[in-house]
Structures are given as C-alpha cells and as structure tokens.
Amino acid sequence: MTSVVSPETPYYVPPPPNRFTRLVARSPRWLAPVAALGCMASAVGYVMIADPTDSTADAAPTCLLKLTTGFDCPGCGGTRAFWYVLHGNLPAAARHHILFIFALPFLLYMYVAWAGQRVFGRKLPQLRISPKTIGVFLGVWFVFTIARNLPWAPFTWLYV
C-alpha cells in the first residue's frame, strides 16, 4: 500500500493549541525579557551570596569533572570570574576565565538589544555573528580548555 500525498496536503499538521500554548500566545511582549532578567538577577544573587572565591575544590556545589578527574572543564573558573566582574576586578576575572570576560560584553549587548526591541519597540543595531565566528570562538574555547590542563609552564598559569 502506498500513500499518495497531494501538493495541497501539508507534511506536518500542527497540533491544535492547548491551554499552555494559548497562555504563551496571550502573554505580554515584556514577559520574556523580564523572565530572562529575573534569571540573570538570581544568578547574580547566588554568586554574591555563595562567594566562590573562598571555597575549596570539593565544596558544594562543585564541578563534577574537576572533582573526579582533577581536570578543569571548559567552564571552570566562570563563576569565580563572574564574582570578580561583579566586584570590578577585571584582571582577576580574566585570570579565572578569559573567554568569559571576552564574551560577556557581547552577551549583555545582545540581551539589551533584544529586550529593548521586545519591551519598548526600539531597535538597536544587531550584532551580526556568523556561524563561522561562532565556530572559531568554540574552537578557541576548546584549545583553551586543553591548554589550561597541560602540566608545564606557561600553561600552568591557566590552571584554576
């Protein structure tokens, strides 16, 4: 038995809206930026309360990769770098995770541009980040992750 699909029959028929999709469709435009801002505020609050700079390597919560293998993961040092950024100590933040410090202004600008458009209808110039740029950044991040785990100088300076 073969099925014949006519040109006017769509391949995918979306399901009828349910209560959740109707709620999302009716939500105000400002809700998503405010929710994202709430998530960022809770991250700031956690980092300010927890003070990751004076905890030991096995303090909870900890990086499971570092706890089990002793290696720094791609994000190791990010929370401490964020703590130092919040306290205005950019050299110490860069010491813990230089790529986080590099990416932070771009991420903040992208959020402000998106939120400004959603909430106020104001368009800021959009960052044009190509897939090639993202690939290069991820490649540099991968090399950085490998380099910070090498056991000889000058790479031991990257170990956090």
N, C-alpha and C. Protein backbone atom coordinates (compact mmCIF):
# COMPACT_ATOMS: atom_id res chain seq x y z
N MET A 1 0.83 -1.17 0.00
CA MET A 1 0.00 0.00 0.00
C MET A 1 0.89 1.24 0.00
N THR A 2 0.72 2.11 -0.91
CA THR A 2 1.49 3.34 -0.97
C THR A 2 0.57 4.51 -0.68
N SER A 3 1.13 5.47 -0.01
CA SER A 3 0.33 6.66 0.27
C SER A 3 0.74 7.76 -0.70
N VAL A 4 -0.23 8.42 -1.19
CA VAL A 4 0.00 9.50 -2.13
C VAL A 4 -0.29 10.80 -1.41
N VAL A 5 0.66 11.70 -1.47
CA VAL A 5 0.48 13.00 -0.84
C VAL A 5 0.23 14.01 -1.93
N SER A 6 -0.89 14.64 -1.86
CA SER A 6 -1.19 15.65 -2.87
C SER A 6 -0.44 16.93 -2.53
N PRO A 7 -0.23 17.78 -3.54
CA PRO A 7 0.53 19.02 -3.28
C PRO A 7 -0.11 19.93 -2.24
N GLU A 8 -1.43 19.87 -2.08
CA GLU A 8 -2.06 20.75 -1.10
C GLU A 8 -2.11 20.15 0.30
N THR A 9 -1.71 18.88 0.47
CA THR A 9 -1.67 18.26 1.78
C THR A 9 -0.32 18.55 2.44
N PRO A 10 -0.33 19.22 3.58
CA PRO A 10 0.97 19.51 4.23
C PRO A 10 1.56 18.24 4.84
N TYR A 11 2.88 18.19 4.89
CA TYR A 11 3.56 17.06 5.50
C TYR A 11 3.40 17.07 7.01
N TYR A 12 3.31 18.24 7.58
CA TYR A 12 3.21 18.37 9.04
C TYR A 12 1.96 19.16 9.36
N VAL A 13 1.13 18.57 10.14
CA VAL A 13 -0.07 19.27 10.59
C VAL A 13 0.15 19.61 12.05
N PRO A 14 0.23 20.91 12.37
CA PRO A 14 0.48 21.28 13.77
C PRO A 14 -0.70 20.87 14.65
N PRO A 15 -0.40 20.50 15.87
CA PRO A 15 -1.49 20.10 16.78
C PRO A 15 -2.32 21.32 17.16
N PRO A 16 -3.54 21.10 17.54
CA PRO A 16 -4.36 22.24 17.97
C PRO A 16 -3.78 22.82 19.25
N PRO A 17 -3.95 24.12 19.43
CA PRO A 17 -3.38 24.74 20.63
C PRO A 17 -4.02 24.20 21.91
N ASN A 18 -3.17 24.01 22.92
CA ASN A 18 -3.68 23.58 24.22
C ASN A 18 -3.65 24.77 25.18
N ARG A 19 -3.93 24.53 26.44
CA ARG A 19 -4.00 25.64 27.40
C ARG A 19 -2.67 26.36 27.53
N PHE A 20 -1.55 25.61 27.53
CA PHE A 20 -0.24 26.24 27.70
C PHE A 20 0.11 27.11 26.49
N THR A 21 -0.09 26.60 25.27
CA THR A 21 0.27 27.39 24.09
C THR A 21 -0.63 28.61 23.95
N ARG A 22 -1.90 28.50 24.35
CA ARG A 22 -2.77 29.68 24.33
C ARG A 22 -2.30 30.72 25.34
N LEU A 23 -1.81 30.25 26.52
CA LEU A 23 -1.30 31.17 27.54
C LEU A 23 -0.05 31.88 27.03
N VAL A 24 0.86 31.15 26.40
CA VAL A 24 2.07 31.76 25.88
C VAL A 24 1.74 32.75 24.76
N ALA A 25 0.80 32.39 23.91
CA ALA A 25 0.43 33.28 22.80
C ALA A 25 -0.19 34.57 23.31
N ARG A 26 -0.86 34.52 24.46
CA ARG A 26 -1.51 35.72 25.00
C ARG A 26 -0.62 36.49 25.97
N SER A 27 0.55 35.99 26.28
CA SER A 27 1.40 36.67 27.26
C SER A 27 1.91 38.00 26.69
N PRO A 28 2.12 38.98 27.55
CA PRO A 28 2.59 40.28 27.08
C PRO A 28 4.01 40.20 26.52
N ARG A 29 4.34 41.14 25.66
CA ARG A 29 5.64 41.15 24.98
C ARG A 29 6.80 41.30 25.96
N TRP A 30 6.59 41.95 27.07
CA TRP A 30 7.65 42.22 28.03
C TRP A 30 7.95 41.04 28.94
N LEU A 31 7.13 39.98 28.91
CA LEU A 31 7.29 38.89 29.86
C LEU A 31 8.59 38.11 29.67
N ALA A 32 8.96 37.81 28.43
CA ALA A 32 10.19 37.04 28.19
C ALA A 32 11.44 37.81 28.63
N PRO A 33 11.61 39.10 28.26
CA PRO A 33 12.78 39.82 28.76
C PRO A 33 12.81 39.94 30.29
N VAL A 34 11.67 40.12 30.91
CA VAL A 34 11.64 40.22 32.37
C VAL A 34 11.99 38.88 33.00
N ALA A 35 11.51 37.79 32.42
CA ALA A 35 11.85 36.46 32.94
C ALA A 35 13.34 36.20 32.80
N ALA A 36 13.93 36.56 31.65
CA ALA A 36 15.37 36.39 31.46
C ALA A 36 16.14 37.26 32.45
N LEU A 37 15.67 38.49 32.67
CA LEU A 37 16.31 39.37 33.65
C LEU A 37 16.21 38.79 35.05
N GLY A 38 15.10 38.17 35.38
CA GLY A 38 14.95 37.51 36.68
C GLY A 38 15.94 36.37 36.84
N CYS A 39 16.16 35.60 35.77
CA CYS A 39 17.15 34.52 35.83
C CYS A 39 18.55 35.09 36.04
N MET A 40 18.87 36.17 35.32
CA MET A 40 20.19 36.79 35.50
C MET A 40 20.34 37.36 36.91
N ALA A 41 19.28 37.96 37.43
CA ALA A 41 19.33 38.52 38.79
C ALA A 41 19.52 37.41 39.82
N SER A 42 18.88 36.28 39.60
CA SER A 42 19.07 35.18 40.55
C SER A 42 20.49 34.63 40.47
N ALA A 43 21.08 34.61 39.28
CA ALA A 43 22.48 34.18 39.15
C ALA A 43 23.40 35.15 39.88
N VAL A 44 23.15 36.44 39.72
CA VAL A 44 23.95 37.45 40.43
C VAL A 44 23.79 37.27 41.94
N GLY A 45 22.56 37.08 42.39
CA GLY A 45 22.32 36.89 43.82
C GLY A 45 23.03 35.67 44.36
N TYR A 46 22.97 34.56 43.62
CA TYR A 46 23.65 33.34 44.07
C TYR A 46 25.15 33.56 44.18
N VAL A 47 25.74 34.18 43.15
CA VAL A 47 27.19 34.37 43.16
C VAL A 47 27.60 35.33 44.28
N MET A 48 26.79 36.34 44.54
CA MET A 48 27.14 37.28 45.61
C MET A 48 27.03 36.61 46.98
N ILE A 49 26.06 35.73 47.16
CA ILE A 49 25.88 35.07 48.45
C ILE A 49 26.89 33.95 48.65
N ALA A 50 27.13 33.16 47.60
CA ALA A 50 27.97 31.97 47.73
C ALA A 50 29.46 32.30 47.82
N ASP A 51 29.90 33.38 47.24
CA ASP A 51 31.31 33.78 47.19
C ASP A 51 32.21 32.59 46.83
N PRO A 52 32.26 32.24 45.55
CA PRO A 52 33.01 31.07 45.12
C PRO A 52 34.52 31.22 45.24
N THR A 53 35.01 32.40 45.59
CA THR A 53 36.46 32.61 45.63
C THR A 53 37.10 32.06 46.90
N ASP A 54 36.32 31.84 47.94
CA ASP A 54 36.94 31.35 49.18
C ASP A 54 36.51 29.92 49.53
N SER A 55 36.01 29.18 48.54
CA SER A 55 35.62 27.80 48.81
C SER A 55 36.70 26.84 48.33
N THR A 56 36.70 25.65 48.89
CA THR A 56 37.66 24.64 48.49
C THR A 56 37.17 23.92 47.24
N ALA A 57 38.03 23.10 46.65
CA ALA A 57 37.68 22.42 45.40
C ALA A 57 36.55 21.43 45.57
N ASP A 58 36.36 20.90 46.76
CA ASP A 58 35.30 19.91 46.97
C ASP A 58 34.07 20.50 47.67
N ALA A 59 33.98 21.83 47.74
CA ALA A 59 32.83 22.46 48.35
C ALA A 59 31.61 22.32 47.44
N ALA A 60 30.45 22.17 48.03
CA ALA A 60 29.23 22.04 47.23
C ALA A 60 28.71 23.42 46.86
N PRO A 61 28.18 23.65 45.68
CA PRO A 61 28.25 22.77 44.54
C PRO A 61 29.61 22.86 43.88
N THR A 62 30.02 21.80 43.27
CA THR A 62 31.32 21.78 42.64
C THR A 62 31.23 21.22 41.23
N CYS A 63 32.28 21.36 40.49
CA CYS A 63 32.35 20.82 39.13
C CYS A 63 32.67 19.32 39.25
N LEU A 64 31.77 18.50 38.76
CA LEU A 64 31.97 17.05 38.88
C LEU A 64 33.19 16.59 38.10
N LEU A 65 33.47 17.20 36.95
CA LEU A 65 34.64 16.79 36.18
C LEU A 65 35.92 17.06 36.96
N LYS A 66 36.02 18.24 37.56
CA LYS A 66 37.21 18.57 38.33
C LYS A 66 37.32 17.72 39.59
N LEU A 67 36.19 17.44 40.22
CA LEU A 67 36.20 16.64 41.43
C LEU A 67 36.64 15.21 41.15
N THR A 68 36.20 14.64 40.03
CA THR A 68 36.51 13.24 39.75
C THR A 68 37.83 13.04 39.01
N THR A 69 38.20 13.98 38.13
CA THR A 69 39.41 13.78 37.32
C THR A 69 40.55 14.71 37.68
N GLY A 70 40.24 15.84 38.28
CA GLY A 70 41.27 16.83 38.57
C GLY A 70 41.49 17.80 37.42
N PHE A 71 40.81 17.59 36.29
CA PHE A 71 40.96 18.47 35.13
C PHE A 71 39.97 19.62 35.22
N ASP A 72 40.39 20.78 34.68
CA ASP A 72 39.49 21.91 34.56
C ASP A 72 38.57 21.67 33.38
N CYS A 73 37.27 21.85 33.57
CA CYS A 73 36.31 21.70 32.48
C CYS A 73 36.27 23.00 31.68
N PRO A 74 35.56 23.03 30.55
CA PRO A 74 35.50 24.27 29.75
C PRO A 74 34.95 25.47 30.51
N GLY A 75 34.13 25.25 31.52
CA GLY A 75 33.56 26.37 32.26
C GLY A 75 34.22 26.64 33.59
N CYS A 76 35.22 25.83 33.97
CA CYS A 76 35.87 26.01 35.27
C CYS A 76 36.42 27.44 35.40
N GLY A 77 36.10 28.07 36.49
CA GLY A 77 36.55 29.43 36.74
C GLY A 77 35.53 30.47 36.33
N GLY A 78 34.47 30.06 35.63
CA GLY A 78 33.47 31.01 35.17
C GLY A 78 32.71 31.68 36.29
N THR A 79 32.35 30.93 37.31
CA THR A 79 31.61 31.51 38.44
C THR A 79 32.51 32.47 39.22
N ARG A 80 33.77 32.06 39.42
CA ARG A 80 34.69 32.96 40.11
C ARG A 80 34.97 34.20 39.28
N ALA A 81 35.08 34.05 37.96
CA ALA A 81 35.28 35.20 37.07
C ALA A 81 34.08 36.14 37.16
N PHE A 82 32.88 35.57 37.20
CA PHE A 82 31.67 36.38 37.33
C PHE A 82 31.68 37.14 38.66
N TRP A 83 32.10 36.49 39.74
CA TRP A 83 32.17 37.15 41.03
C TRP A 83 33.13 38.33 40.98
N TYR A 84 34.29 38.12 40.35
CA TYR A 84 35.26 39.21 40.25
C TYR A 84 34.75 40.34 39.35
N VAL A 85 34.01 40.01 38.29
CA VAL A 85 33.42 41.05 37.43
C VAL A 85 32.43 41.88 38.25
N LEU A 86 31.60 41.22 39.04
CA LEU A 86 30.62 41.94 39.86
C LEU A 86 31.29 42.84 40.89
N HIS A 87 32.52 42.52 41.28
CA HIS A 87 33.26 43.35 42.23
C HIS A 87 34.25 44.29 41.54
N GLY A 88 34.23 44.33 40.20
CA GLY A 88 35.05 45.27 39.45
C GLY A 88 36.51 44.89 39.31
N ASN A 89 36.88 43.68 39.59
CA ASN A 89 38.27 43.24 39.49
C ASN A 89 38.45 42.45 38.19
N LEU A 90 38.59 43.17 37.07
CA LEU A 90 38.69 42.51 35.77
C LEU A 90 39.97 41.70 35.58
N PRO A 91 41.14 42.13 36.09
CA PRO A 91 42.31 41.27 35.94
C PRO A 91 42.15 39.91 36.62
N ALA A 92 41.59 39.89 37.82
CA ALA A 92 41.36 38.61 38.50
C ALA A 92 40.32 37.78 37.76
N ALA A 93 39.30 38.44 37.21
CA ALA A 93 38.28 37.72 36.45
C ALA A 93 38.89 37.09 35.20
N ALA A 94 39.74 37.84 34.52
CA ALA A 94 40.40 37.30 33.33
C ALA A 94 41.35 36.17 33.70
N ARG A 95 41.93 36.22 34.87
CA ARG A 95 42.81 35.15 35.33
C ARG A 95 42.05 33.84 35.48
N HIS A 96 40.79 33.93 35.88
CA HIS A 96 40.00 32.72 36.10
C HIS A 96 39.34 32.20 34.83
N HIS A 97 38.87 33.08 33.95
CA HIS A 97 38.25 32.62 32.70
C HIS A 97 38.22 33.77 31.70
N ILE A 98 39.28 33.87 30.92
CA ILE A 98 39.44 34.99 29.97
C ILE A 98 38.37 34.98 28.89
N LEU A 99 37.94 33.82 28.44
CA LEU A 99 36.94 33.77 27.38
C LEU A 99 35.57 34.23 27.86
N PHE A 100 35.26 33.99 29.11
CA PHE A 100 34.02 34.50 29.69
C PHE A 100 34.04 36.02 29.69
N ILE A 101 35.16 36.59 30.07
CA ILE A 101 35.30 38.05 30.11
C ILE A 101 35.20 38.63 28.70
N PHE A 102 35.76 37.92 27.73
CA PHE A 102 35.67 38.36 26.34
C PHE A 102 34.22 38.33 25.85
N ALA A 103 33.48 37.28 26.15
CA ALA A 103 32.13 37.11 25.63
C ALA A 103 31.08 37.93 26.38
N LEU A 104 31.34 38.30 27.61
CA LEU A 104 30.34 38.97 28.45
C LEU A 104 29.78 40.26 27.84
N PRO A 105 30.59 41.19 27.32
CA PRO A 105 30.01 42.41 26.75
C PRO A 105 29.11 42.12 25.54
N PHE A 106 29.49 41.15 24.73
CA PHE A 106 28.67 40.80 23.57
C PHE A 106 27.33 40.22 24.02
N LEU A 107 27.36 39.34 25.01
CA LEU A 107 26.13 38.74 25.52
C LEU A 107 25.21 39.79 26.15
N LEU A 108 25.80 40.70 26.91
CA LEU A 108 24.99 41.76 27.52
C LEU A 108 24.37 42.67 26.47
N TYR A 109 25.14 43.03 25.45
CA TYR A 109 24.60 43.88 24.38
C TYR A 109 23.48 43.16 23.63
N MET A 110 23.67 41.89 23.35
CA MET A 110 22.63 41.14 22.64
C MET A 110 21.35 41.07 23.47
N TYR A 111 21.47 40.93 24.78
CA TYR A 111 20.28 40.92 25.65
C TYR A 111 19.61 42.30 25.63
N VAL A 112 20.39 43.35 25.79
CA VAL A 112 19.81 44.70 25.82
C VAL A 112 19.12 45.02 24.50
N ALA A 113 19.73 44.65 23.37
CA ALA A 113 19.12 44.90 22.07
C ALA A 113 17.82 44.12 21.92
N TRP A 114 17.82 42.86 22.34
CA TRP A 114 16.61 42.03 22.24
C TRP A 114 15.51 42.55 23.18
N ALA A 115 15.88 42.83 24.43
CA ALA A 115 14.89 43.29 25.41
C ALA A 115 14.35 44.66 25.03
N GLY A 116 15.21 45.55 24.53
CA GLY A 116 14.74 46.87 24.12
C GLY A 116 13.75 46.79 22.98
N GLN A 117 13.96 45.87 22.07
CA GLN A 117 13.03 45.70 20.96
C GLN A 117 11.72 45.09 21.44
N ARG A 118 11.79 44.10 22.33
CA ARG A 118 10.58 43.44 22.80
C ARG A 118 9.75 44.34 23.72
N VAL A 119 10.42 45.06 24.62
CA VAL A 119 9.68 45.84 25.62
C VAL A 119 9.29 47.21 25.09
N PHE A 120 10.23 47.92 24.49
CA PHE A 120 9.99 49.31 24.10
C PHE A 120 9.78 49.49 22.60
N GLY A 121 10.02 48.46 21.82
CA GLY A 121 9.89 48.59 20.37
C GLY A 121 11.03 49.37 19.74
N ARG A 122 12.11 49.58 20.48
CA ARG A 122 13.28 50.33 19.97
C ARG A 122 14.28 49.34 19.42
N LYS A 123 14.76 49.63 18.23
CA LYS A 123 15.74 48.73 17.61
C LYS A 123 17.13 49.31 17.76
N LEU A 124 17.99 48.53 18.37
CA LEU A 124 19.42 48.85 18.40
C LEU A 124 20.08 48.08 17.26
N PRO A 125 21.22 48.53 16.81
CA PRO A 125 21.91 47.77 15.77
C PRO A 125 22.20 46.35 16.27
N GLN A 126 21.85 45.38 15.47
CA GLN A 126 22.05 43.98 15.84
C GLN A 126 23.49 43.56 15.55
N LEU A 127 24.02 42.71 16.41
CA LEU A 127 25.33 42.12 16.15
C LEU A 127 25.15 41.05 15.09
N ARG A 128 25.97 41.09 14.09
CA ARG A 128 25.91 40.07 13.04
C ARG A 128 27.01 39.06 13.33
N ILE A 129 26.64 37.99 13.98
CA ILE A 129 27.59 36.94 14.33
C ILE A 129 27.32 35.76 13.41
N SER A 130 28.28 35.48 12.56
CA SER A 130 28.11 34.41 11.58
C SER A 130 28.39 33.06 12.22
N PRO A 131 27.91 31.99 11.61
CA PRO A 131 28.24 30.65 12.12
C PRO A 131 29.75 30.40 12.13
N LYS A 132 30.48 31.00 11.20
CA LYS A 132 31.93 30.84 11.18
C LYS A 132 32.55 31.48 12.43
N THR A 133 32.06 32.65 12.82
CA THR A 133 32.56 33.31 14.02
C THR A 133 32.28 32.47 15.26
N ILE A 134 31.09 31.91 15.34
CA ILE A 134 30.76 31.05 16.47
C ILE A 134 31.66 29.82 16.48
N GLY A 135 31.90 29.25 15.30
CA GLY A 135 32.79 28.09 15.21
C GLY A 135 34.21 28.41 15.64
N VAL A 136 34.71 29.59 15.24
CA VAL A 136 36.06 29.99 15.65
C VAL A 136 36.11 30.19 17.16
N PHE A 137 35.08 30.83 17.73
CA PHE A 137 35.05 31.04 19.18
C PHE A 137 35.03 29.70 19.91
N LEU A 138 34.20 28.76 19.45
CA LEU A 138 34.14 27.45 20.10
C LEU A 138 35.46 26.69 19.93
N GLY A 139 36.12 26.86 18.79
CA GLY A 139 37.43 26.25 18.59
C GLY A 139 38.48 26.81 19.54
N VAL A 140 38.47 28.13 19.71
CA VAL A 140 39.39 28.76 20.65
C VAL A 140 39.10 28.30 22.07
N TRP A 141 37.81 28.17 22.39
CA TRP A 141 37.42 27.69 23.72
C TRP A 141 37.90 26.26 23.94
N PHE A 142 37.82 25.41 22.92
CA PHE A 142 38.30 24.04 23.02
C PHE A 142 39.81 24.01 23.25
N VAL A 143 40.56 24.81 22.48
CA VAL A 143 42.02 24.87 22.64
C VAL A 143 42.36 25.42 24.03
N PHE A 144 41.63 26.43 24.49
CA PHE A 144 41.83 26.99 25.82
C PHE A 144 41.61 25.93 26.89
N THR A 145 40.57 25.11 26.72
CA THR A 145 40.29 24.05 27.68
C THR A 145 41.42 23.04 27.74
N ILE A 146 41.97 22.67 26.59
CA ILE A 146 43.10 21.73 26.55
C ILE A 146 44.34 22.38 27.16
N ALA A 147 44.62 23.63 26.76
CA ALA A 147 45.84 24.30 27.21
C ALA A 147 45.84 24.52 28.72
N ARG A 148 44.69 24.79 29.32
CA ARG A 148 44.67 25.06 30.76
C ARG A 148 44.87 23.80 31.58
N ASN A 149 44.84 22.64 30.95
CA ASN A 149 45.07 21.38 31.66
C ASN A 149 46.45 20.79 31.41
N LEU A 150 47.29 21.47 30.63
CA LEU A 150 48.64 20.98 30.38
C LEU A 150 49.51 21.24 31.61
N PRO A 151 50.33 20.26 32.02
CA PRO A 151 51.01 20.37 33.31
C PRO A 151 52.36 21.09 33.29
N TRP A 152 52.72 21.83 32.26
CA TRP A 152 54.00 22.51 32.25
C TRP A 152 53.81 23.99 31.93
N ALA A 153 54.82 24.78 32.29
CA ALA A 153 54.78 26.22 32.07
C ALA A 153 54.81 26.50 30.58
N PRO A 154 54.20 27.52 30.10
CA PRO A 154 53.42 28.59 30.75
C PRO A 154 51.96 28.22 30.97
N PHE A 155 51.56 27.00 30.62
CA PHE A 155 50.15 26.62 30.71
C PHE A 155 49.68 26.45 32.15
N THR A 156 50.58 26.23 33.07
CA THR A 156 50.16 26.09 34.47
C THR A 156 49.56 27.38 35.02
N TRP A 157 49.86 28.50 34.39
CA TRP A 157 49.27 29.77 34.81
C TRP A 157 47.77 29.77 34.57
N LEU A 158 47.29 29.00 33.59
CA LEU A 158 45.88 28.94 33.26
C LEU A 158 45.08 28.04 34.20
N TYR A 159 45.78 27.23 34.99
CA TYR A 159 45.11 26.28 35.87
C TYR A 159 44.43 27.02 37.01
N VAL A 160 43.15 26.77 37.20
CA VAL A 160 42.41 27.42 38.28
C VAL A 160 41.93 26.35 39.22
